[in-house]
Amino acid sequence: MKISNLIAIRVKIRYTLFSFPFGENTMDKGKSVGAIITDPAGRYLMQYRLKHPIGLAMPAGHMDANDESPEDAMQRVFEETGLYVRQMTRVFYGFVPGDRACKEGHKGHDWWIYHLLTEGEPRIKEPHKHLFLRFMSSKEIREWAIGNKTHPNSFPCDPNWFKYILPALNIL
């Protein structure tokens, strides 16, 4: 069995039973989609955003008006990482309130998070948007969240990922 299949099995067992809405939402909300991409060592692909929301997060973004489903939006993974998506499994859906207003003014978002099996080598395809793109262990991600600031006047991580999504997925 290929190592990528073993990772998918581990992730499926760990996350599939999980669907965690964060409560009722009557606020103006957006729709966002995110990607969990792991390497054979079990590390997570993380990127440091230079544009709002500034900070460390997994590849993610708003769903555009043209996106008919979260699956359509996940095709943008290639745009950010250079990776081709071969298989995707939804591991999370829920409303996440925003700690800071997003660039589109939403006070929270419905999130679809997928574990992806990918092909290729990750690379920064949008250097004006991302400082780095690299695989990090859970320990490295936790250390970063505690207070590593590499960009002046920025938050070290996207608060939605670190306050809600990563803990819900047992990554932090």
N, C-alpha and C. Protein backbone atom coordinates (compact mmCIF):
# COMPACT_ATOMS: atom_id res chain seq x y z
N MET A 1 0.85 -1.18 0.00
CA MET A 1 0.00 0.00 0.00
C MET A 1 0.90 1.24 0.00
N LYS A 2 0.56 2.22 -0.85
CA LYS A 2 1.34 3.43 -0.93
C LYS A 2 1.21 4.24 0.36
N ILE A 3 2.27 4.98 0.70
CA ILE A 3 2.26 5.79 1.93
C ILE A 3 1.14 6.81 1.91
N SER A 4 0.84 7.41 0.73
CA SER A 4 -0.24 8.39 0.68
C SER A 4 -1.57 7.75 1.02
N ASN A 5 -1.77 6.48 0.65
CA ASN A 5 -3.00 5.78 1.02
C ASN A 5 -3.06 5.52 2.51
N LEU A 6 -1.91 5.21 3.11
CA LEU A 6 -1.87 5.01 4.56
C LEU A 6 -2.23 6.29 5.29
N ILE A 7 -1.73 7.42 4.81
CA ILE A 7 -2.06 8.71 5.43
C ILE A 7 -3.55 8.96 5.30
N ALA A 8 -4.11 8.69 4.14
CA ALA A 8 -5.55 8.90 3.95
C ALA A 8 -6.36 8.03 4.90
N ILE A 9 -5.95 6.79 5.10
CA ILE A 9 -6.67 5.91 6.02
C ILE A 9 -6.59 6.45 7.43
N ARG A 10 -5.40 6.90 7.86
CA ARG A 10 -5.23 7.44 9.21
C ARG A 10 -6.12 8.67 9.38
N VAL A 11 -6.11 9.56 8.40
CA VAL A 11 -6.91 10.77 8.50
C VAL A 11 -8.39 10.43 8.49
N LYS A 12 -8.78 9.49 7.64
CA LYS A 12 -10.19 9.14 7.57
C LYS A 12 -10.68 8.59 8.91
N ILE A 13 -9.91 7.74 9.53
CA ILE A 13 -10.29 7.19 10.83
C ILE A 13 -10.34 8.29 11.88
N ARG A 14 -9.40 9.20 11.82
CA ARG A 14 -9.30 10.23 12.85
C ARG A 14 -10.38 11.29 12.71
N TYR A 15 -10.79 11.64 11.48
CA TYR A 15 -11.64 12.79 11.29
C TYR A 15 -13.04 12.55 10.75
N THR A 16 -13.29 11.46 10.09
CA THR A 16 -14.53 11.32 9.34
C THR A 16 -15.78 11.43 10.20
N LEU A 17 -15.76 10.98 11.41
CA LEU A 17 -16.94 11.02 12.25
C LEU A 17 -17.24 12.43 12.76
N PHE A 18 -16.45 13.38 12.34
CA PHE A 18 -16.48 14.70 12.91
C PHE A 18 -17.24 15.69 12.04
N SER A 19 -18.31 16.22 12.53
CA SER A 19 -19.01 17.33 11.90
C SER A 19 -19.43 18.23 13.02
N PHE A 20 -18.85 19.41 13.11
CA PHE A 20 -18.98 20.21 14.31
C PHE A 20 -19.42 21.62 14.00
N PRO A 21 -20.70 21.89 13.92
CA PRO A 21 -21.12 23.27 13.75
C PRO A 21 -20.90 24.04 15.05
N PHE A 22 -20.48 25.27 14.96
CA PHE A 22 -20.17 26.07 16.14
C PHE A 22 -21.36 26.87 16.62
N GLY A 23 -22.55 26.37 16.45
CA GLY A 23 -23.72 27.06 16.96
C GLY A 23 -24.51 27.75 15.85
N GLU A 24 -25.64 28.26 16.24
CA GLU A 24 -26.50 28.93 15.28
C GLU A 24 -25.86 30.21 14.81
N ASN A 25 -26.12 30.56 13.58
CA ASN A 25 -25.58 31.77 13.01
C ASN A 25 -26.68 32.57 12.36
N THR A 26 -26.85 33.79 12.82
CA THR A 26 -27.79 34.68 12.17
C THR A 26 -27.05 35.88 11.58
N MET A 27 -25.72 35.90 11.69
CA MET A 27 -24.91 37.01 11.19
C MET A 27 -24.71 36.90 9.69
N ASP A 28 -24.27 38.02 9.13
CA ASP A 28 -23.79 38.01 7.75
C ASP A 28 -22.61 37.07 7.69
N LYS A 29 -22.64 36.11 6.78
CA LYS A 29 -21.56 35.13 6.76
C LYS A 29 -21.07 34.89 5.35
N GLY A 30 -19.81 34.51 5.28
CA GLY A 30 -19.20 34.14 4.02
C GLY A 30 -19.09 32.63 3.94
N LYS A 31 -18.50 32.17 2.85
CA LYS A 31 -18.25 30.74 2.66
C LYS A 31 -16.78 30.58 2.35
N SER A 32 -16.12 29.70 3.09
CA SER A 32 -14.69 29.48 2.91
C SER A 32 -14.40 28.00 2.83
N VAL A 33 -13.29 27.69 2.19
CA VAL A 33 -12.88 26.31 2.02
C VAL A 33 -11.39 26.22 2.36
N GLY A 34 -11.00 25.12 3.01
CA GLY A 34 -9.61 24.95 3.40
C GLY A 34 -9.12 23.55 3.11
N ALA A 35 -7.78 23.40 3.07
CA ALA A 35 -7.16 22.14 2.70
C ALA A 35 -6.20 21.65 3.77
N ILE A 36 -6.33 20.39 4.13
CA ILE A 36 -5.34 19.72 4.97
C ILE A 36 -4.54 18.83 4.04
N ILE A 37 -3.25 19.14 3.94
CA ILE A 37 -2.35 18.37 3.09
C ILE A 37 -1.21 17.90 3.97
N THR A 38 -0.97 16.59 4.00
CA THR A 38 0.09 16.04 4.83
C THR A 38 1.16 15.38 3.97
N ASP A 39 2.37 15.33 4.54
CA ASP A 39 3.45 14.62 3.85
C ASP A 39 3.58 13.23 4.48
N PRO A 40 4.46 12.37 3.97
CA PRO A 40 4.59 11.01 4.51
C PRO A 40 4.99 10.97 6.00
N ALA A 41 5.61 12.05 6.50
CA ALA A 41 5.98 12.10 7.93
C ALA A 41 4.82 12.58 8.80
N GLY A 42 3.67 12.90 8.20
CA GLY A 42 2.52 13.35 8.98
C GLY A 42 2.53 14.84 9.29
N ARG A 43 3.43 15.59 8.67
CA ARG A 43 3.47 17.04 8.87
C ARG A 43 2.42 17.70 7.96
N TYR A 44 2.00 18.89 8.35
CA TYR A 44 0.93 19.61 7.66
C TYR A 44 1.50 20.74 6.81
N LEU A 45 0.95 20.91 5.61
CA LEU A 45 1.37 22.00 4.74
C LEU A 45 0.77 23.30 5.27
N MET A 46 1.65 24.25 5.59
CA MET A 46 1.25 25.53 6.14
C MET A 46 1.80 26.64 5.24
N GLN A 47 1.11 27.75 5.24
CA GLN A 47 1.59 28.91 4.51
C GLN A 47 1.48 30.14 5.40
N TYR A 48 2.37 31.08 5.18
CA TYR A 48 2.29 32.35 5.90
C TYR A 48 1.79 33.40 4.92
N ARG A 49 0.61 33.93 5.22
CA ARG A 49 -0.03 34.90 4.35
C ARG A 49 0.50 36.31 4.62
N LEU A 50 0.73 37.03 3.57
CA LEU A 50 1.15 38.42 3.67
C LEU A 50 -0.02 39.38 3.49
N LYS A 51 -1.16 38.84 3.10
CA LYS A 51 -2.37 39.65 2.91
C LYS A 51 -3.44 39.16 3.88
N HIS A 52 -4.41 39.99 4.12
CA HIS A 52 -5.46 39.70 5.11
C HIS A 52 -6.16 38.38 4.79
N PRO A 53 -6.33 37.51 5.76
CA PRO A 53 -5.84 37.60 7.13
C PRO A 53 -4.37 37.18 7.21
N ILE A 54 -3.54 38.10 7.66
CA ILE A 54 -2.10 37.87 7.74
C ILE A 54 -1.82 36.79 8.78
N GLY A 55 -0.91 35.89 8.46
CA GLY A 55 -0.48 34.91 9.44
C GLY A 55 -0.43 33.49 8.89
N LEU A 56 -0.08 32.59 9.78
CA LEU A 56 0.08 31.18 9.46
C LEU A 56 -1.29 30.51 9.35
N ALA A 57 -1.48 29.72 8.31
CA ALA A 57 -2.72 28.97 8.11
C ALA A 57 -2.46 27.89 7.07
N MET A 58 -3.40 27.00 6.95
CA MET A 58 -3.37 26.02 5.87
C MET A 58 -3.94 26.69 4.62
N PRO A 59 -3.66 26.14 3.44
CA PRO A 59 -4.23 26.74 2.23
C PRO A 59 -5.75 26.83 2.34
N ALA A 60 -6.27 28.01 2.05
CA ALA A 60 -7.71 28.24 2.21
C ALA A 60 -8.09 29.52 1.48
N GLY A 61 -9.39 29.72 1.35
CA GLY A 61 -9.87 30.95 0.75
C GLY A 61 -11.37 31.01 0.68
N HIS A 62 -11.86 32.19 0.31
CA HIS A 62 -13.29 32.37 0.12
C HIS A 62 -13.74 31.59 -1.11
N MET A 63 -14.97 31.12 -1.04
CA MET A 63 -15.59 30.56 -2.23
C MET A 63 -16.11 31.73 -3.05
N ASP A 64 -15.82 31.72 -4.33
CA ASP A 64 -16.28 32.77 -5.22
C ASP A 64 -17.74 32.54 -5.60
N ALA A 65 -18.36 33.59 -6.11
CA ALA A 65 -19.76 33.47 -6.56
C ALA A 65 -19.89 32.42 -7.66
N ASN A 66 -18.81 32.20 -8.44
CA ASN A 66 -18.85 31.22 -9.52
C ASN A 66 -18.72 29.79 -9.02
N ASP A 67 -18.24 29.61 -7.80
CA ASP A 67 -18.06 28.26 -7.26
C ASP A 67 -19.43 27.70 -6.88
N GLU A 68 -19.76 26.57 -7.49
CA GLU A 68 -21.05 25.94 -7.21
C GLU A 68 -20.99 25.06 -5.97
N SER A 69 -19.80 24.62 -5.60
CA SER A 69 -19.66 23.76 -4.43
C SER A 69 -18.26 23.93 -3.87
N PRO A 70 -18.04 23.51 -2.63
CA PRO A 70 -16.69 23.57 -2.07
C PRO A 70 -15.69 22.78 -2.91
N GLU A 71 -16.14 21.71 -3.54
CA GLU A 71 -15.25 20.91 -4.37
C GLU A 71 -14.70 21.74 -5.53
N ASP A 72 -15.54 22.60 -6.12
CA ASP A 72 -15.08 23.47 -7.20
C ASP A 72 -14.00 24.43 -6.68
N ALA A 73 -14.21 24.97 -5.51
CA ALA A 73 -13.26 25.93 -4.94
C ALA A 73 -11.92 25.28 -4.64
N MET A 74 -11.90 23.99 -4.31
CA MET A 74 -10.65 23.34 -3.96
C MET A 74 -9.69 23.26 -5.14
N GLN A 75 -10.17 23.47 -6.33
CA GLN A 75 -9.27 23.46 -7.49
C GLN A 75 -8.27 24.62 -7.42
N ARG A 76 -8.57 25.62 -6.59
CA ARG A 76 -7.63 26.73 -6.41
C ARG A 76 -6.39 26.32 -5.62
N VAL A 77 -6.39 25.12 -5.05
CA VAL A 77 -5.20 24.65 -4.34
C VAL A 77 -3.98 24.71 -5.26
N PHE A 78 -4.17 24.34 -6.50
CA PHE A 78 -3.05 24.40 -7.45
C PHE A 78 -2.54 25.83 -7.59
N GLU A 79 -3.47 26.78 -7.62
CA GLU A 79 -3.08 28.18 -7.76
C GLU A 79 -2.18 28.64 -6.62
N GLU A 80 -2.41 28.15 -5.41
CA GLU A 80 -1.63 28.58 -4.26
C GLU A 80 -0.40 27.73 -4.00
N THR A 81 -0.47 26.43 -4.32
CA THR A 81 0.60 25.51 -3.89
C THR A 81 1.31 24.79 -5.02
N GLY A 82 0.76 24.80 -6.21
CA GLY A 82 1.34 24.04 -7.30
C GLY A 82 1.05 22.55 -7.23
N LEU A 83 0.25 22.13 -6.26
CA LEU A 83 -0.09 20.71 -6.10
C LEU A 83 -1.36 20.38 -6.86
N TYR A 84 -1.38 19.20 -7.46
CA TYR A 84 -2.56 18.70 -8.14
C TYR A 84 -3.36 17.85 -7.16
N VAL A 85 -4.65 18.12 -7.05
CA VAL A 85 -5.53 17.38 -6.15
C VAL A 85 -5.94 16.08 -6.84
N ARG A 86 -5.67 14.95 -6.19
CA ARG A 86 -6.04 13.65 -6.74
C ARG A 86 -7.26 13.06 -6.04
N GLN A 87 -7.42 13.40 -4.76
CA GLN A 87 -8.56 12.86 -4.00
C GLN A 87 -8.83 13.82 -2.86
N MET A 88 -10.09 13.98 -2.52
CA MET A 88 -10.44 14.84 -1.39
C MET A 88 -11.54 14.20 -0.56
N THR A 89 -11.41 14.38 0.75
CA THR A 89 -12.39 13.86 1.70
C THR A 89 -12.75 14.99 2.67
N ARG A 90 -14.03 15.30 2.76
CA ARG A 90 -14.44 16.34 3.70
C ARG A 90 -14.26 15.83 5.12
N VAL A 91 -13.59 16.65 5.94
CA VAL A 91 -13.33 16.25 7.32
C VAL A 91 -13.96 17.22 8.31
N PHE A 92 -14.51 18.32 7.81
CA PHE A 92 -15.08 19.33 8.70
C PHE A 92 -16.06 20.18 7.92
N TYR A 93 -17.18 20.50 8.56
CA TYR A 93 -18.07 21.55 8.09
C TYR A 93 -18.64 22.22 9.33
N GLY A 94 -18.66 23.54 9.32
CA GLY A 94 -19.26 24.25 10.43
C GLY A 94 -19.13 25.75 10.27
N PHE A 95 -19.93 26.45 11.04
CA PHE A 95 -19.84 27.90 11.07
C PHE A 95 -18.75 28.29 12.06
N VAL A 96 -17.89 29.21 11.65
CA VAL A 96 -16.82 29.70 12.51
C VAL A 96 -16.96 31.22 12.60
N PRO A 97 -17.23 31.74 13.81
CA PRO A 97 -17.33 33.19 13.95
C PRO A 97 -15.96 33.83 13.73
N GLY A 98 -15.93 35.01 13.18
CA GLY A 98 -14.66 35.69 12.91
C GLY A 98 -14.22 36.53 14.08
N ASP A 99 -12.94 36.44 14.43
CA ASP A 99 -12.37 37.31 15.46
C ASP A 99 -12.10 38.70 14.90
N ARG A 100 -11.84 38.76 13.61
CA ARG A 100 -11.61 40.02 12.90
C ARG A 100 -12.48 39.98 11.66
N ALA A 101 -12.99 41.12 11.26
CA ALA A 101 -13.80 41.15 10.04
C ALA A 101 -12.93 40.75 8.85
N CYS A 102 -13.47 39.95 7.96
CA CYS A 102 -12.71 39.55 6.78
C CYS A 102 -12.71 40.69 5.77
N LYS A 103 -11.91 40.55 4.73
CA LYS A 103 -11.78 41.61 3.73
C LYS A 103 -13.10 41.90 3.02
N GLU A 104 -14.02 40.94 3.05
CA GLU A 104 -15.32 41.14 2.42
C GLU A 104 -16.38 41.59 3.42
N GLY A 105 -15.97 41.80 4.69
CA GLY A 105 -16.87 42.33 5.71
C GLY A 105 -17.72 41.31 6.45
N HIS A 106 -17.52 40.02 6.21
CA HIS A 106 -18.31 39.00 6.90
C HIS A 106 -17.85 38.88 8.35
N LYS A 107 -18.79 38.58 9.23
CA LYS A 107 -18.47 38.41 10.65
C LYS A 107 -18.23 36.96 11.02
N GLY A 108 -18.28 36.10 10.04
CA GLY A 108 -18.05 34.67 10.24
C GLY A 108 -18.22 33.97 8.91
N HIS A 109 -17.87 32.68 8.92
CA HIS A 109 -17.92 31.91 7.68
C HIS A 109 -18.40 30.49 7.92
N ASP A 110 -19.13 29.97 6.94
CA ASP A 110 -19.33 28.53 6.87
C ASP A 110 -18.04 27.99 6.27
N TRP A 111 -17.45 26.99 6.93
CA TRP A 111 -16.18 26.40 6.48
C TRP A 111 -16.38 24.97 6.04
N TRP A 112 -15.77 24.64 4.92
CA TRP A 112 -15.64 23.27 4.45
C TRP A 112 -14.14 22.99 4.46
N ILE A 113 -13.70 21.98 5.21
CA ILE A 113 -12.29 21.61 5.25
C ILE A 113 -12.16 20.20 4.68
N TYR A 114 -11.18 20.02 3.81
CA TYR A 114 -10.96 18.74 3.15
C TYR A 114 -9.53 18.26 3.40
N HIS A 115 -9.40 16.95 3.58
CA HIS A 115 -8.07 16.35 3.54
C HIS A 115 -7.85 15.97 2.09
N LEU A 116 -6.69 16.39 1.56
CA LEU A 116 -6.40 16.16 0.16
C LEU A 116 -5.25 15.20 -0.03
N LEU A 117 -5.38 14.32 -0.99
CA LEU A 117 -4.24 13.57 -1.48
C LEU A 117 -3.80 14.31 -2.74
N THR A 118 -2.53 14.65 -2.76
CA THR A 118 -2.03 15.51 -3.84
C THR A 118 -0.85 14.87 -4.55
N GLU A 119 -0.50 15.49 -5.65
CA GLU A 119 0.64 15.04 -6.44
C GLU A 119 1.47 16.28 -6.78
N GLY A 120 2.79 16.14 -6.73
CA GLY A 120 3.67 17.25 -7.06
C GLY A 120 4.42 17.73 -5.83
N GLU A 121 5.23 18.74 -6.04
CA GLU A 121 5.99 19.36 -4.96
C GLU A 121 5.40 20.73 -4.67
N PRO A 122 5.13 21.03 -3.39
CA PRO A 122 4.56 22.34 -3.09
C PRO A 122 5.56 23.46 -3.39
N ARG A 123 5.02 24.53 -3.93
CA ARG A 123 5.86 25.71 -4.20
C ARG A 123 4.97 26.95 -4.12
N ILE A 124 5.59 28.05 -3.77
CA ILE A 124 4.86 29.32 -3.72
C ILE A 124 4.61 29.77 -5.16
N LYS A 125 3.35 29.93 -5.49
CA LYS A 125 2.99 30.39 -6.82
C LYS A 125 2.56 31.85 -6.81
N GLU A 126 2.30 32.37 -5.60
CA GLU A 126 1.88 33.76 -5.47
C GLU A 126 2.77 34.45 -4.42
N PRO A 127 4.02 34.79 -4.78
CA PRO A 127 4.95 35.36 -3.79
C PRO A 127 4.50 36.70 -3.22
N HIS A 128 3.62 37.40 -3.90
CA HIS A 128 3.10 38.65 -3.37
C HIS A 128 2.06 38.41 -2.26
N LYS A 129 1.58 37.16 -2.14
CA LYS A 129 0.58 36.82 -1.13
C LYS A 129 1.13 35.96 0.01
N HIS A 130 2.25 35.24 -0.21
CA HIS A 130 2.73 34.28 0.78
C HIS A 130 4.22 34.43 1.03
N LEU A 131 4.59 34.46 2.30
CA LEU A 131 6.00 34.53 2.69
C LEU A 131 6.67 33.17 2.53
N PHE A 132 5.97 32.11 2.96
CA PHE A 132 6.50 30.76 2.79
C PHE A 132 5.38 29.76 2.70
N LEU A 133 5.75 28.58 2.25
CA LEU A 133 4.86 27.43 2.14
C LEU A 133 5.73 26.23 2.50
N ARG A 134 5.41 25.55 3.63
CA ARG A 134 6.24 24.43 4.04
C ARG A 134 5.47 23.49 4.96
N PHE A 135 5.98 22.26 5.04
CA PHE A 135 5.39 21.27 5.94
C PHE A 135 5.91 21.51 7.35
N MET A 136 4.98 21.44 8.33
CA MET A 136 5.32 21.68 9.73
C MET A 136 4.64 20.60 10.59
N SER A 137 5.33 20.21 11.66
CA SER A 137 4.74 19.26 12.61
C SER A 137 3.74 20.00 13.50
N SER A 138 2.90 19.24 14.19
CA SER A 138 1.96 19.86 15.14
C SER A 138 2.72 20.67 16.18
N LYS A 139 3.86 20.17 16.62
CA LYS A 139 4.67 20.89 17.62
C LYS A 139 5.14 22.23 17.06
N GLU A 140 5.64 22.23 15.83
CA GLU A 140 6.08 23.49 15.22
C GLU A 140 4.92 24.48 15.06
N ILE A 141 3.76 23.96 14.69
CA ILE A 141 2.58 24.82 14.54
C ILE A 141 2.21 25.43 15.88
N ARG A 142 2.20 24.62 16.95
CA ARG A 142 1.89 25.14 18.29
C ARG A 142 2.88 26.20 18.72
N GLU A 143 4.18 25.95 18.48
CA GLU A 143 5.20 26.93 18.85
C GLU A 143 5.00 28.24 18.10
N TRP A 144 4.65 28.14 16.83
CA TRP A 144 4.40 29.34 16.03
C TRP A 144 3.22 30.10 16.62
N ALA A 145 2.17 29.37 16.99
CA ALA A 145 0.96 30.01 17.51
C ALA A 145 1.20 30.74 18.82
N ILE A 146 2.18 30.30 19.59
CA ILE A 146 2.47 30.94 20.88
C ILE A 146 3.08 32.31 20.70
N GLY A 147 3.74 32.57 19.59
CA GLY A 147 4.23 33.93 19.46
C GLY A 147 5.39 34.19 18.54
N ASN A 148 5.58 33.45 17.50
CA ASN A 148 6.64 33.75 16.55
C ASN A 148 6.12 34.75 15.54
N LYS A 149 6.61 35.96 15.60
CA LYS A 149 6.19 37.00 14.64
C LYS A 149 7.34 37.28 13.69
N THR A 150 7.12 36.96 12.43
CA THR A 150 8.16 37.24 11.44
C THR A 150 7.75 38.41 10.55
N HIS A 151 6.54 38.85 10.64
CA HIS A 151 6.07 39.95 9.81
C HIS A 151 5.67 41.08 10.74
N PRO A 152 6.23 42.28 10.59
CA PRO A 152 5.92 43.38 11.50
C PRO A 152 4.43 43.69 11.56
N ASN A 153 3.97 44.00 12.75
CA ASN A 153 2.58 44.41 12.98
C ASN A 153 1.55 43.39 12.51
N SER A 154 1.87 42.13 12.64
CA SER A 154 0.92 41.11 12.18
C SER A 154 0.59 40.15 13.31
N PHE A 155 -0.47 39.41 13.11
CA PHE A 155 -0.79 38.30 14.00
C PHE A 155 0.06 37.12 13.54
N PRO A 156 0.56 36.28 14.46
CA PRO A 156 1.39 35.17 14.05
C PRO A 156 0.61 34.10 13.29
N CYS A 157 -0.69 34.02 13.48
CA CYS A 157 -1.49 33.01 12.81
C CYS A 157 -2.89 33.56 12.57
N ASP A 158 -3.56 32.97 11.61
CA ASP A 158 -4.94 33.31 11.34
C ASP A 158 -5.76 32.82 12.53
N PRO A 159 -6.44 33.72 13.26
CA PRO A 159 -7.15 33.30 14.48
C PRO A 159 -8.26 32.28 14.24
N ASN A 160 -8.91 32.30 13.08
CA ASN A 160 -9.96 31.32 12.84
C ASN A 160 -9.39 29.91 12.81
N TRP A 161 -8.24 29.73 12.18
CA TRP A 161 -7.62 28.41 12.13
C TRP A 161 -7.18 27.97 13.51
N PHE A 162 -6.58 28.86 14.28
CA PHE A 162 -5.97 28.45 15.55
C PHE A 162 -6.94 28.44 16.71
N LYS A 163 -7.98 29.23 16.66
CA LYS A 163 -8.94 29.24 17.76
C LYS A 163 -10.03 28.18 17.57
N TYR A 164 -10.39 27.90 16.33
CA TYR A 164 -11.53 27.01 16.09
C TYR A 164 -11.19 25.74 15.30
N ILE A 165 -10.62 25.91 14.11
CA ILE A 165 -10.54 24.80 13.17
C ILE A 165 -9.49 23.77 13.57
N LEU A 166 -8.24 24.17 13.78
CA LEU A 166 -7.19 23.19 14.12
C LEU A 166 -7.49 22.46 15.44
N PRO A 167 -7.96 23.14 16.50
CA PRO A 167 -8.33 22.37 17.70
C PRO A 167 -9.48 21.39 17.46
N ALA A 168 -10.45 21.79 16.66
CA ALA A 168 -11.59 20.90 16.38
C ALA A 168 -11.14 19.64 15.65
N LEU A 169 -10.08 19.75 14.84
CA LEU A 169 -9.58 18.61 14.10
C LEU A 169 -8.50 17.86 14.87
N ASN A 170 -8.25 18.24 16.11
CA ASN A 170 -7.22 17.61 16.96
C ASN A 170 -5.82 17.76 16.39
N ILE A 171 -5.58 18.82 15.64
CA ILE A 171 -4.23 19.10 15.13
C ILE A 171 -3.48 19.91 16.17
N LEU A 172 -4.18 20.77 16.90
CA LEU A 172 -3.57 21.52 18.01
C LEU A 172 -4.25 21.13 19.30
